[in-house]
Amino acid sequence: FLFGFYFFFFKQKTAYEMLRSLVGSEMCIRDSSTIDPSLYKKYNVNRGLRDLNGKGILTGLTEISEIISQKEIDGRNKPCYGELYYRGYNIKDLVNGILKDNRYGFEEIVYLLIIGNLPNQLQLKEFKNLLSEYRKLPVDFVRDIIMEAPSKDMMNTLARSVLTLYSSDKRADDISIPNVINQCLKLTALFPLISIYGYQTYKHYHDGKSLFIHLPDPNLSTAENILLLLRHDGKYTKLEAKILDIALILHAEHGGGNNSTFTTHVVTSSGTDTYSAISAALGSLKGPKHGGANIKVVQMIEKKKKKKKKKK
């Protein structure tokens, strides 16, 4: 056994050393693979989704949402208080209407963004029932997929899970508009489950915390179900659920020029399936210069908490 171990280790080390001798140092690779920066300006090539001056570039057109971050004043674009519109509706008006009626509104906003108009009471009721019905993972999915290889990164958990869901969909490659919408609604309903089950599994196997898996309640909203699944006792306050509901609404859409949305445009243009496209977008969202910024925010909050404890 020991001989086999040392033989394997020696072979691995030799292979690594051979690779280094073949490609040389990292500096050597960089020197032989670098493009002269002046060529980007000469041929007007943008490096990513920003131009040479750091300004965002137009990558497509959408009527789903719009962000206004600057306005033209005296012939010049100047920064302004941000405005967000969903299908032409000011987000402030949508949120204020939801708060005024003392209801949860995320499902209503999902309907607006995907279908294109606000639902009436009957349509909203049927839509909520549909999302509730879709809020069920395939048999043994949690055990075989999420628990099998717990990841510390939520985007990785989501991407792997989305790709695996392809195999349980008999119409996975059907990219007709009705079927794609149906698949997107299923993913919208399942993302909270996958995220929370992945988080609970990681906390158990890596941090030694107790493992608990709750089932969603078909009578609760998305925000309420997230808190139900997340808490060990399933308890939460109405205020917590309301705040989370608004947070979900504000994060639901923010224009078509961001990295993950652009990735979806590129990948779907090949005619691939929904699961492949969404997993690619999640890969983009994982990057620290895009959705990974959310992780930095969490780290910042944790840092502030520690400082506050030290002061006490």
C-alpha atoms as a PDB file:
ATOM      1  CA  PHE A   1       0.000   0.000   0.000  1.00  0.00           C
ATOM      2  CA  LEU A   2       2.759   2.440   0.999  1.00  0.00           C
ATOM      3  CA  PHE A   3       4.758   1.553  -2.115  1.00  0.00           C
ATOM      4  CA  GLY A   4       1.696   2.260  -4.246  1.00  0.00           C
ATOM      5  CA  PHE A   5       1.113   5.594  -2.498  1.00  0.00           C
ATOM      6  CA  TYR A   6       4.709   6.749  -2.957  1.00  0.00           C
ATOM      7  CA  PHE A   7       4.727   5.549  -6.566  1.00  0.00           C
ATOM      8  CA  PHE A   8       1.522   7.523  -7.285  1.00  0.00           C
ATOM      9  CA  PHE A   9       2.842  10.633  -5.530  1.00  0.00           C
ATOM     10  CA  PHE A  10       6.180  10.405  -7.364  1.00  0.00           C
ATOM     11  CA  LYS A  11       4.458  10.017 -10.729  1.00  0.00           C
ATOM     12  CA  GLN A  12       2.177  12.972 -10.015  1.00  0.00           C
ATOM     13  CA  LYS A  13       5.109  15.140  -8.997  1.00  0.00           C
ATOM     14  CA  THR A  14       7.099  14.115 -12.059  1.00  0.00           C
ATOM     15  CA  ALA A  15       4.147  14.926 -14.336  1.00  0.00           C
ATOM     16  CA  TYR A  16       3.853  18.378 -12.763  1.00  0.00           C
ATOM     17  CA  GLU A  17       7.565  19.011 -13.167  1.00  0.00           C
ATOM     18  CA  MET A  18       7.349  17.871 -16.794  1.00  0.00           C
ATOM     19  CA  LEU A  19       4.530  20.352 -17.392  1.00  0.00           C
ATOM     20  CA  ARG A  20       6.599  23.171 -15.897  1.00  0.00           C
ATOM     21  CA  SER A  21       9.546  22.285 -18.092  1.00  0.00           C
ATOM     22  CA  LEU A  22       7.322  22.277 -21.182  1.00  0.00           C
ATOM     23  CA  VAL A  23       5.495  25.576 -20.661  1.00  0.00           C
ATOM     24  CA  GLY A  24       8.067  27.460 -18.600  1.00  0.00           C
ATOM     25  CA  SER A  25       7.200  30.020 -15.953  1.00  0.00           C
ATOM     26  CA  GLU A  26       3.922  31.886 -15.576  1.00  0.00           C
ATOM     27  CA  MET A  27       5.722  35.062 -16.635  1.00  0.00           C
ATOM     28  CA  CYS A  28       6.840  33.340 -19.834  1.00  0.00           C
ATOM     29  CA  ILE A  29       3.262  32.342 -20.658  1.00  0.00           C
ATOM     30  CA  ARG A  30       2.028  35.862 -19.992  1.00  0.00           C
ATOM     31  CA  ASP A  31       4.715  37.406 -22.193  1.00  0.00           C
ATOM     32  CA  SER A  32       3.914  35.104 -25.111  1.00  0.00           C
ATOM     33  CA  SER A  33       0.127  35.497 -24.845  1.00  0.00           C
ATOM     34  CA  THR A  34      -0.341  39.234 -24.258  1.00  0.00           C
ATOM     35  CA  ILE A  35      -2.138  41.443 -26.785  1.00  0.00           C
ATOM     36  CA  ASP A  36      -0.788  44.943 -27.280  1.00  0.00           C
ATOM     37  CA  PRO A  37      -3.377  47.220 -25.515  1.00  0.00           C
ATOM     38  CA  SER A  38      -3.134  49.799 -28.314  1.00  0.00           C
ATOM     39  CA  LEU A  39      -4.654  47.272 -30.727  1.00  0.00           C
ATOM     40  CA  TYR A  40      -7.980  47.341 -28.840  1.00  0.00           C
ATOM     41  CA  LYS A  41      -8.256  51.055 -29.541  1.00  0.00           C
ATOM     42  CA  LYS A  42      -7.031  50.715 -33.124  1.00  0.00           C
ATOM     43  CA  TYR A  43      -9.663  48.090 -34.026  1.00  0.00           C
ATOM     44  CA  ASN A  44     -12.338  49.458 -31.672  1.00  0.00           C
ATOM     45  CA  VAL A  45     -12.614  46.192 -29.716  1.00  0.00           C
ATOM     46  CA  ASN A  46     -14.353  46.319 -26.331  1.00  0.00           C
ATOM     47  CA  ARG A  47     -12.890  44.228 -23.530  1.00  0.00           C
ATOM     48  CA  GLY A  48     -16.044  42.838 -21.954  1.00  0.00           C
ATOM     49  CA  LEU A  49     -19.221  44.857 -21.460  1.00  0.00           C
ATOM     50  CA  ARG A  50     -17.525  48.250 -21.129  1.00  0.00           C
ATOM     51  CA  ASP A  51     -15.862  50.478 -23.704  1.00  0.00           C
ATOM     52  CA  LEU A  52     -12.313  51.809 -23.543  1.00  0.00           C
ATOM     53  CA  ASN A  53     -13.486  54.663 -21.286  1.00  0.00           C
ATOM     54  CA  GLY A  54     -15.162  52.305 -18.824  1.00  0.00           C
ATOM     55  CA  LYS A  55     -18.688  53.148 -19.983  1.00  0.00           C
ATOM     56  CA  GLY A  56     -21.228  50.335 -20.364  1.00  0.00           C
ATOM     57  CA  ILE A  57     -21.918  49.293 -23.949  1.00  0.00           C
ATOM     58  CA  LEU A  58     -25.260  48.475 -25.570  1.00  0.00           C
ATOM     59  CA  THR A  59     -25.494  44.714 -26.061  1.00  0.00           C
ATOM     60  CA  GLY A  60     -29.180  44.346 -26.854  1.00  0.00           C
ATOM     61  CA  LEU A  61     -32.652  45.831 -26.566  1.00  0.00           C
ATOM     62  CA  THR A  62     -35.312  44.932 -23.999  1.00  0.00           C
ATOM     63  CA  GLU A  63     -38.717  46.187 -22.914  1.00  0.00           C
ATOM     64  CA  ILE A  64     -38.780  44.018 -19.801  1.00  0.00           C
ATOM     65  CA  SER A  65     -36.963  46.443 -17.535  1.00  0.00           C
ATOM     66  CA  GLU A  66     -35.147  49.752 -17.630  1.00  0.00           C
ATOM     67  CA  ILE A  67     -32.660  51.456 -15.338  1.00  0.00           C
ATOM     68  CA  ILE A  68     -32.184  55.225 -15.421  1.00  0.00           C
ATOM     69  CA  SER A  69     -28.964  56.268 -13.689  1.00  0.00           C
ATOM     70  CA  GLN A  70     -28.288  59.518 -15.538  1.00  0.00           C
ATOM     71  CA  LYS A  71     -30.221  62.239 -17.315  1.00  0.00           C
ATOM     72  CA  GLU A  72     -29.304  64.753 -19.999  1.00  0.00           C
ATOM     73  CA  ILE A  73     -28.981  68.255 -18.565  1.00  0.00           C
ATOM     74  CA  ASP A  74     -27.772  71.142 -20.760  1.00  0.00           C
ATOM     75  CA  GLY A  75     -26.575  68.681 -23.382  1.00  0.00           C
ATOM     76  CA  ARG A  76     -24.590  66.569 -20.916  1.00  0.00           C
ATOM     77  CA  ASN A  77     -25.380  63.278 -19.209  1.00  0.00           C
ATOM     78  CA  LYS A  78     -25.298  63.719 -15.460  1.00  0.00           C
ATOM     79  CA  PRO A  79     -25.854  61.179 -12.638  1.00  0.00           C
ATOM     80  CA  CYS A  80     -29.299  61.155 -11.057  1.00  0.00           C
ATOM     81  CA  TYR A  81     -31.199  59.270  -8.391  1.00  0.00           C
ATOM     82  CA  GLY A  82     -31.699  55.793  -9.791  1.00  0.00           C
ATOM     83  CA  GLU A  83     -35.025  54.810 -11.316  1.00  0.00           C
ATOM     84  CA  LEU A  84     -36.092  51.224 -12.020  1.00  0.00           C
ATOM     85  CA  TYR A  85     -38.951  50.246 -14.318  1.00  0.00           C
ATOM     86  CA  TYR A  86     -40.557  46.824 -14.873  1.00  0.00           C
ATOM     87  CA  ARG A  87     -42.534  46.590 -18.128  1.00  0.00           C
ATOM     88  CA  GLY A  88     -42.950  50.377 -18.016  1.00  0.00           C
ATOM     89  CA  TYR A  89     -44.112  50.493 -14.367  1.00  0.00           C
ATOM     90  CA  ASN A  90     -42.020  52.476 -11.896  1.00  0.00           C
ATOM     91  CA  ILE A  91     -40.823  50.035  -9.234  1.00  0.00           C
ATOM     92  CA  LYS A  92     -41.750  52.551  -6.521  1.00  0.00           C
ATOM     93  CA  ASP A  93     -45.377  52.505  -7.641  1.00  0.00           C
ATOM     94  CA  LEU A  94     -45.434  48.698  -7.742  1.00  0.00           C
ATOM     95  CA  VAL A  95     -43.892  48.323  -4.272  1.00  0.00           C
ATOM     96  CA  ASN A  96     -46.048  51.039  -2.731  1.00  0.00           C
ATOM     97  CA  GLY A  97     -49.190  49.383  -4.107  1.00  0.00           C
ATOM     98  CA  ILE A  98     -48.142  46.033  -2.622  1.00  0.00           C
ATOM     99  CA  LEU A  99     -47.381  47.599   0.766  1.00  0.00           C
ATOM    100  CA  LYS A 100     -50.640  49.545   0.734  1.00  0.00           C
ATOM    101  CA  ASP A 101     -52.655  46.361   0.208  1.00  0.00           C
ATOM    102  CA  ASN A 102     -50.559  44.560   2.851  1.00  0.00           C
ATOM    103  CA  ARG A 103     -49.832  41.601   0.580  1.00  0.00           C
ATOM    104  CA  TYR A 104     -46.826  39.670  -0.698  1.00  0.00           C
ATOM    105  CA  GLY A 105     -45.965  40.738  -4.230  1.00  0.00           C
ATOM    106  CA  PHE A 106     -43.028  38.761  -5.590  1.00  0.00           C
ATOM    107  CA  GLU A 107     -45.234  36.264  -7.453  1.00  0.00           C
ATOM    108  CA  GLU A 108     -47.184  39.138  -9.016  1.00  0.00           C
ATOM    109  CA  ILE A 109     -43.923  40.736 -10.220  1.00  0.00           C
ATOM    110  CA  VAL A 110     -42.712  37.425 -11.688  1.00  0.00           C
ATOM    111  CA  TYR A 111     -45.971  37.251 -13.653  1.00  0.00           C
ATOM    112  CA  LEU A 112     -45.467  40.833 -14.869  1.00  0.00           C
ATOM    113  CA  LEU A 113     -41.870  40.269 -15.966  1.00  0.00           C
ATOM    114  CA  ILE A 114     -42.433  36.938 -17.729  1.00  0.00           C
ATOM    115  CA  ILE A 115     -45.974  37.296 -19.107  1.00  0.00           C
ATOM    116  CA  GLY A 116     -45.798  41.032 -19.809  1.00  0.00           C
ATOM    117  CA  ASN A 117     -48.744  42.483 -17.901  1.00  0.00           C
ATOM    118  CA  LEU A 118     -50.101  42.622 -14.368  1.00  0.00           C
ATOM    119  CA  PRO A 119     -52.466  39.738 -13.529  1.00  0.00           C
ATOM    120  CA  ASN A 120     -56.049  40.084 -12.346  1.00  0.00           C
ATOM    121  CA  GLN A 121     -57.078  38.341  -9.127  1.00  0.00           C
ATOM    122  CA  LEU A 122     -58.045  35.049 -10.809  1.00  0.00           C
ATOM    123  CA  GLN A 123     -54.866  34.937 -12.919  1.00  0.00           C
ATOM    124  CA  LEU A 124     -52.711  35.675  -9.863  1.00  0.00           C
ATOM    125  CA  LYS A 125     -54.403  32.952  -7.844  1.00  0.00           C
ATOM    126  CA  GLU A 126     -53.864  30.370 -10.598  1.00  0.00           C
ATOM    127  CA  PHE A 127     -50.266  31.551 -11.067  1.00  0.00           C
ATOM    128  CA  LYS A 128     -49.499  31.161  -7.358  1.00  0.00           C
ATOM    129  CA  ASN A 129     -51.016  27.676  -7.413  1.00  0.00           C
ATOM    130  CA  LEU A 130     -48.816  26.809 -10.397  1.00  0.00           C
ATOM    131  CA  LEU A 131     -45.627  27.979  -8.635  1.00  0.00           C
ATOM    132  CA  SER A 132     -46.665  26.038  -5.553  1.00  0.00           C
ATOM    133  CA  GLU A 133     -47.149  22.899  -7.638  1.00  0.00           C
ATOM    134  CA  TYR A 134     -43.715  23.376  -9.234  1.00  0.00           C
ATOM    135  CA  ARG A 135     -42.044  23.786  -5.843  1.00  0.00           C
ATOM    136  CA  LYS A 136     -41.155  20.085  -5.707  1.00  0.00           C
ATOM    137  CA  LEU A 137     -37.751  18.586  -6.502  1.00  0.00           C
ATOM    138  CA  PRO A 138     -37.433  15.164  -8.191  1.00  0.00           C
ATOM    139  CA  VAL A 139     -37.392  12.137  -5.868  1.00  0.00           C
ATOM    140  CA  ASP A 140     -34.029  11.698  -4.065  1.00  0.00           C
ATOM    141  CA  PHE A 141     -32.660  14.901  -5.672  1.00  0.00           C
ATOM    142  CA  VAL A 142     -31.641  16.400  -2.328  1.00  0.00           C
ATOM    143  CA  ARG A 143     -29.858  13.228  -1.226  1.00  0.00           C
ATOM    144  CA  ASP A 144     -28.210  12.283  -4.519  1.00  0.00           C
ATOM    145  CA  ILE A 145     -27.324  15.706  -5.925  1.00  0.00           C
ATOM    146  CA  ILE A 146     -27.234  18.387  -3.231  1.00  0.00           C
ATOM    147  CA  MET A 147     -25.934  16.274  -0.333  1.00  0.00           C
ATOM    148  CA  GLU A 148     -23.552  14.206  -2.447  1.00  0.00           C
ATOM    149  CA  ALA A 149     -21.080  17.034  -3.031  1.00  0.00           C
ATOM    150  CA  PRO A 150     -21.892  20.053  -0.825  1.00  0.00           C
ATOM    151  CA  SER A 151     -20.320  23.244  -2.140  1.00  0.00           C
ATOM    152  CA  LYS A 152     -19.310  26.349  -0.215  1.00  0.00           C
ATOM    153  CA  ASP A 153     -20.477  28.521  -3.121  1.00  0.00           C
ATOM    154  CA  MET A 154     -24.198  28.897  -3.741  1.00  0.00           C
ATOM    155  CA  MET A 155     -23.781  29.721  -7.431  1.00  0.00           C
ATOM    156  CA  ASN A 156     -21.916  26.446  -7.890  1.00  0.00           C
ATOM    157  CA  THR A 157     -24.697  24.556  -6.108  1.00  0.00           C
ATOM    158  CA  LEU A 158     -27.353  26.185  -8.283  1.00  0.00           C
ATOM    159  CA  ALA A 159     -25.463  25.636 -11.551  1.00  0.00           C
ATOM    160  CA  ARG A 160     -24.856  21.933 -10.852  1.00  0.00           C
ATOM    161  CA  SER A 161     -28.438  21.411  -9.778  1.00  0.00           C
ATOM    162  CA  VAL A 162     -29.882  23.170 -12.833  1.00  0.00           C
ATOM    163  CA  LEU A 163     -27.799  21.010 -15.175  1.00  0.00           C
ATOM    164  CA  THR A 164     -28.969  17.882 -13.353  1.00  0.00           C
ATOM    165  CA  LEU A 165     -32.638  18.910 -13.646  1.00  0.00           C
ATOM    166  CA  TYR A 166     -32.214  18.568 -17.419  1.00  0.00           C
ATOM    167  CA  SER A 167     -32.205  14.776 -17.049  1.00  0.00           C
ATOM    168  CA  SER A 168     -35.592  14.725 -15.302  1.00  0.00           C
ATOM    169  CA  ASP A 169     -37.336  16.857 -17.940  1.00  0.00           C
ATOM    170  CA  LYS A 170     -38.816  14.797 -20.796  1.00  0.00           C
ATOM    171  CA  ARG A 171     -39.030  17.956 -22.928  1.00  0.00           C
ATOM    172  CA  ALA A 172     -35.664  19.412 -21.924  1.00  0.00           C
ATOM    173  CA  ASP A 173     -34.608  20.204 -25.511  1.00  0.00           C
ATOM    174  CA  ASP A 174     -37.935  21.726 -26.550  1.00  0.00           C
ATOM    175  CA  ILE A 175     -37.144  25.438 -26.978  1.00  0.00           C
ATOM    176  CA  SER A 176     -40.607  26.539 -28.092  1.00  0.00           C
ATOM    177  CA  ILE A 177     -41.653  29.702 -26.235  1.00  0.00           C
ATOM    178  CA  PRO A 178     -44.473  28.083 -24.170  1.00  0.00           C
ATOM    179  CA  ASN A 179     -42.151  25.292 -22.997  1.00  0.00           C
ATOM    180  CA  VAL A 180     -39.257  27.628 -22.204  1.00  0.00           C
ATOM    181  CA  ILE A 181     -41.589  29.816 -20.128  1.00  0.00           C
ATOM    182  CA  ASN A 182     -42.817  26.708 -18.332  1.00  0.00           C
ATOM    183  CA  GLN A 183     -39.222  25.620 -17.613  1.00  0.00           C
ATOM    184  CA  CYS A 184     -38.317  29.093 -16.334  1.00  0.00           C
ATOM    185  CA  LEU A 185     -41.297  29.095 -13.989  1.00  0.00           C
ATOM    186  CA  LYS A 186     -40.236  25.706 -12.636  1.00  0.00           C
ATOM    187  CA  LEU A 187     -36.711  26.999 -12.010  1.00  0.00           C
ATOM    188  CA  THR A 188     -38.102  30.132 -10.348  1.00  0.00           C
ATOM    189  CA  ALA A 189     -40.105  27.933  -7.983  1.00  0.00           C
ATOM    190  CA  LEU A 190     -37.188  25.561  -7.286  1.00  0.00           C
ATOM    191  CA  PHE A 191     -34.310  28.009  -6.787  1.00  0.00           C
ATOM    192  CA  PRO A 192     -35.232  28.791  -3.141  1.00  0.00           C
ATOM    193  CA  LEU A 193     -35.297  25.067  -2.293  1.00  0.00           C
ATOM    194  CA  ILE A 194     -32.002  24.304  -4.018  1.00  0.00           C
ATOM    195  CA  SER A 195     -30.286  27.317  -2.456  1.00  0.00           C
ATOM    196  CA  ILE A 196     -31.436  26.648   1.094  1.00  0.00           C
ATOM    197  CA  TYR A 197     -30.939  22.877   0.998  1.00  0.00           C
ATOM    198  CA  GLY A 198     -27.451  23.480  -0.396  1.00  0.00           C
ATOM    199  CA  TYR A 199     -26.729  25.974   2.367  1.00  0.00           C
ATOM    200  CA  GLN A 200     -28.008  23.662   5.116  1.00  0.00           C
ATOM    201  CA  THR A 201     -25.968  20.762   3.733  1.00  0.00           C
ATOM    202  CA  TYR A 202     -22.784  22.829   3.614  1.00  0.00           C
ATOM    203  CA  LYS A 203     -23.292  24.106   7.172  1.00  0.00           C
ATOM    204  CA  HIS A 204     -23.747  20.505   8.337  1.00  0.00           C
ATOM    205  CA  TYR A 205     -20.822  18.830   6.602  1.00  0.00           C
ATOM    206  CA  HIS A 206     -18.319  21.697   6.817  1.00  0.00           C
ATOM    207  CA  ASP A 207     -19.324  23.589   9.978  1.00  0.00           C
ATOM    208  CA  GLY A 208     -20.726  20.717  12.033  1.00  0.00           C
ATOM    209  CA  LYS A 209     -24.187  22.271  12.374  1.00  0.00           C
ATOM    210  CA  SER A 210     -27.389  20.264  12.730  1.00  0.00           C
ATOM    211  CA  LEU A 211     -28.939  19.239   9.427  1.00  0.00           C
ATOM    212  CA  PHE A 212     -32.629  19.897   8.897  1.00  0.00           C
ATOM    213  CA  ILE A 213     -34.640  19.770   5.673  1.00  0.00           C
ATOM    214  CA  HIS A 214     -38.112  21.307   5.781  1.00  0.00           C
ATOM    215  CA  LEU A 215     -40.728  20.924   3.075  1.00  0.00           C
ATOM    216  CA  PRO A 216     -42.306  24.076   1.587  1.00  0.00           C
ATOM    217  CA  ASP A 217     -45.840  25.044   2.539  1.00  0.00           C
ATOM    218  CA  PRO A 218     -48.111  25.318  -0.536  1.00  0.00           C
ATOM    219  CA  ASN A 219     -50.179  27.996   1.191  1.00  0.00           C
ATOM    220  CA  LEU A 220     -47.272  30.387   1.772  1.00  0.00           C
ATOM    221  CA  SER A 221     -45.602  32.972  -0.474  1.00  0.00           C
ATOM    222  CA  THR A 222     -42.080  32.591  -1.843  1.00  0.00           C
ATOM    223  CA  ALA A 223     -40.667  34.918   0.824  1.00  0.00           C
ATOM    224  CA  GLU A 224     -42.446  33.080   3.647  1.00  0.00           C
ATOM    225  CA  ASN A 225     -41.311  29.696   2.349  1.00  0.00           C
ATOM    226  CA  ILE A 226     -37.682  30.835   2.183  1.00  0.00           C
ATOM    227  CA  LEU A 227     -37.751  31.756   5.875  1.00  0.00           C
ATOM    228  CA  LEU A 228     -39.668  28.575   6.743  1.00  0.00           C
ATOM    229  CA  LEU A 229     -37.028  26.436   5.031  1.00  0.00           C
ATOM    230  CA  LEU A 230     -34.114  28.452   6.398  1.00  0.00           C
ATOM    231  CA  ARG A 231     -34.980  28.460  10.116  1.00  0.00           C
ATOM    232  CA  HIS A 232     -34.536  25.314  12.200  1.00  0.00           C
ATOM    233  CA  ASP A 233     -37.897  25.900  13.887  1.00  0.00           C
ATOM    234  CA  GLY A 234     -39.552  27.302  10.763  1.00  0.00           C
ATOM    235  CA  LYS A 235     -40.502  30.491  12.611  1.00  0.00           C
ATOM    236  CA  TYR A 236     -40.280  34.049  11.313  1.00  0.00           C
ATOM    237  CA  THR A 237     -41.994  37.391  11.819  1.00  0.00           C
ATOM    238  CA  LYS A 238     -44.332  39.012   9.318  1.00  0.00           C
ATOM    239  CA  LEU A 239     -41.952  41.979   9.112  1.00  0.00           C
ATOM    240  CA  GLU A 240     -39.062  39.683   8.118  1.00  0.00           C
ATOM    241  CA  ALA A 241     -41.175  38.107   5.398  1.00  0.00           C
ATOM    242  CA  LYS A 242     -42.324  41.511   4.086  1.00  0.00           C
ATOM    243  CA  ILE A 243     -38.766  42.854   3.906  1.00  0.00           C
ATOM    244  CA  LEU A 244     -37.570  39.721   2.107  1.00  0.00           C
ATOM    245  CA  ASP A 245     -40.499  39.926  -0.313  1.00  0.00           C
ATOM    246  CA  ILE A 246     -39.525  43.492  -1.269  1.00  0.00           C
ATOM    247  CA  ALA A 247     -35.869  42.459  -1.595  1.00  0.00           C
ATOM    248  CA  LEU A 248     -36.898  39.679  -3.993  1.00  0.00           C
ATOM    249  CA  ILE A 249     -38.919  42.169  -6.038  1.00  0.00           C
ATOM    250  CA  LEU A 250     -36.050  44.652  -6.299  1.00  0.00           C
ATOM    251  CA  HIS A 251     -33.591  41.922  -7.319  1.00  0.00           C
ATOM    252  CA  ALA A 252     -35.931  40.293  -9.849  1.00  0.00           C
ATOM    253  CA  GLU A 253     -34.689  42.262 -12.876  1.00  0.00           C
ATOM    254  CA  HIS A 254     -32.252  45.080 -13.618  1.00  0.00           C
ATOM    255  CA  GLY A 255     -31.832  45.507 -17.342  1.00  0.00           C
ATOM    256  CA  GLY A 256     -30.440  43.463 -20.199  1.00  0.00           C
ATOM    257  CA  GLY A 257     -26.829  44.650 -20.252  1.00  0.00           C
ATOM    258  CA  ASN A 258     -25.429  42.863 -17.214  1.00  0.00           C
ATOM    259  CA  ASN A 259     -22.959  40.005 -17.590  1.00  0.00           C
ATOM    260  CA  SER A 260     -25.219  37.054 -16.761  1.00  0.00           C
ATOM    261  CA  THR A 261     -28.067  38.305 -18.959  1.00  0.00           C
ATOM    262  CA  PHE A 262     -25.609  38.851 -21.800  1.00  0.00           C
ATOM    263  CA  THR A 263     -24.323  35.307 -21.250  1.00  0.00           C
ATOM    264  CA  THR A 264     -27.891  34.012 -21.589  1.00  0.00           C
ATOM    265  CA  HIS A 265     -28.270  35.900 -24.898  1.00  0.00           C
ATOM    266  CA  VAL A 266     -25.039  34.428 -26.263  1.00  0.00           C
ATOM    267  CA  VAL A 267     -25.729  30.839 -25.182  1.00  0.00           C
ATOM    268  CA  THR A 268     -29.395  30.750 -26.246  1.00  0.00           C
ATOM    269  CA  SER A 269     -28.432  32.098 -29.687  1.00  0.00           C
ATOM    270  CA  SER A 270     -26.957  28.669 -30.413  1.00  0.00           C
ATOM    271  CA  GLY A 271     -30.370  27.054 -29.901  1.00  0.00           C
ATOM    272  CA  THR A 272     -29.344  25.183 -26.770  1.00  0.00           C
ATOM    273  CA  ASP A 273     -31.722  24.127 -23.983  1.00  0.00           C
ATOM    274  CA  THR A 274     -32.924  26.248 -21.057  1.00  0.00           C
ATOM    275  CA  TYR A 275     -30.945  24.340 -18.416  1.00  0.00           C
ATOM    276  CA  SER A 276     -27.627  24.789 -20.233  1.00  0.00           C
ATOM    277  CA  ALA A 277     -28.295  28.486 -20.773  1.00  0.00           C
ATOM    278  CA  ILE A 278     -29.259  29.197 -17.161  1.00  0.00           C
ATOM    279  CA  SER A 279     -26.322  27.233 -15.752  1.00  0.00           C
ATOM    280  CA  ALA A 280     -23.991  29.278 -17.994  1.00  0.00           C
ATOM    281  CA  ALA A 281     -25.581  32.485 -16.700  1.00  0.00           C
ATOM    282  CA  LEU A 282     -25.074  31.266 -13.129  1.00  0.00           C
ATOM    283  CA  GLY A 283     -21.414  30.666 -13.942  1.00  0.00           C
ATOM    284  CA  SER A 284     -21.185  34.307 -14.974  1.00  0.00           C
ATOM    285  CA  LEU A 285     -23.087  35.426 -11.884  1.00  0.00           C
ATOM    286  CA  LYS A 286     -20.581  33.576  -9.701  1.00  0.00           C
ATOM    287  CA  GLY A 287     -17.753  35.864 -10.788  1.00  0.00           C
ATOM    288  CA  PRO A 288     -16.563  38.405  -8.176  1.00  0.00           C
ATOM    289  CA  LYS A 289     -17.033  41.262 -10.675  1.00  0.00           C
ATOM    290  CA  HIS A 290     -20.731  40.431 -11.075  1.00  0.00           C
ATOM    291  CA  GLY A 291     -22.958  38.521  -8.643  1.00  0.00           C
ATOM    292  CA  GLY A 292     -19.934  37.626  -6.531  1.00  0.00           C
ATOM    293  CA  ALA A 293     -20.200  41.182  -5.274  1.00  0.00           C
ATOM    294  CA  ASN A 294     -23.081  39.951  -3.092  1.00  0.00           C
ATOM    295  CA  ILE A 295     -20.635  37.670  -1.275  1.00  0.00           C
ATOM    296  CA  LYS A 296     -18.379  40.669  -0.673  1.00  0.00           C
ATOM    297  CA  VAL A 297     -21.338  42.509   0.872  1.00  0.00           C
ATOM    298  CA  VAL A 298     -22.005  39.583   3.224  1.00  0.00           C
ATOM    299  CA  GLN A 299     -18.321  39.514   4.171  1.00  0.00           C
ATOM    300  CA  MET A 300     -18.438  43.262   4.840  1.00  0.00           C
ATOM    301  CA  ILE A 301     -21.491  42.862   7.097  1.00  0.00           C
ATOM    302  CA  GLU A 302     -19.820  40.023   9.013  1.00  0.00           C
ATOM    303  CA  LYS A 303     -16.725  42.168   9.454  1.00  0.00           C
ATOM    304  CA  LYS A 304     -18.820  45.014  10.867  1.00  0.00           C
ATOM    305  CA  LYS A 305     -20.544  42.579  13.246  1.00  0.00           C
ATOM    306  CA  LYS A 306     -17.180  41.442  14.597  1.00  0.00           C
ATOM    307  CA  LYS A 307     -16.039  45.033  15.106  1.00  0.00           C
ATOM    308  CA  LYS A 308     -19.262  45.826  16.946  1.00  0.00           C
ATOM    309  CA  LYS A 309     -18.754  42.818  19.256  1.00  0.00           C
ATOM    310  CA  LYS A 310     -15.202  43.920  20.044  1.00  0.00           C
ATOM    311  CA  LYS A 311     -16.436  47.408  21.033  1.00  0.00           C
ATOM    312  CA  LYS A 312     -18.869  45.833  23.513  1.00  0.00           C
END
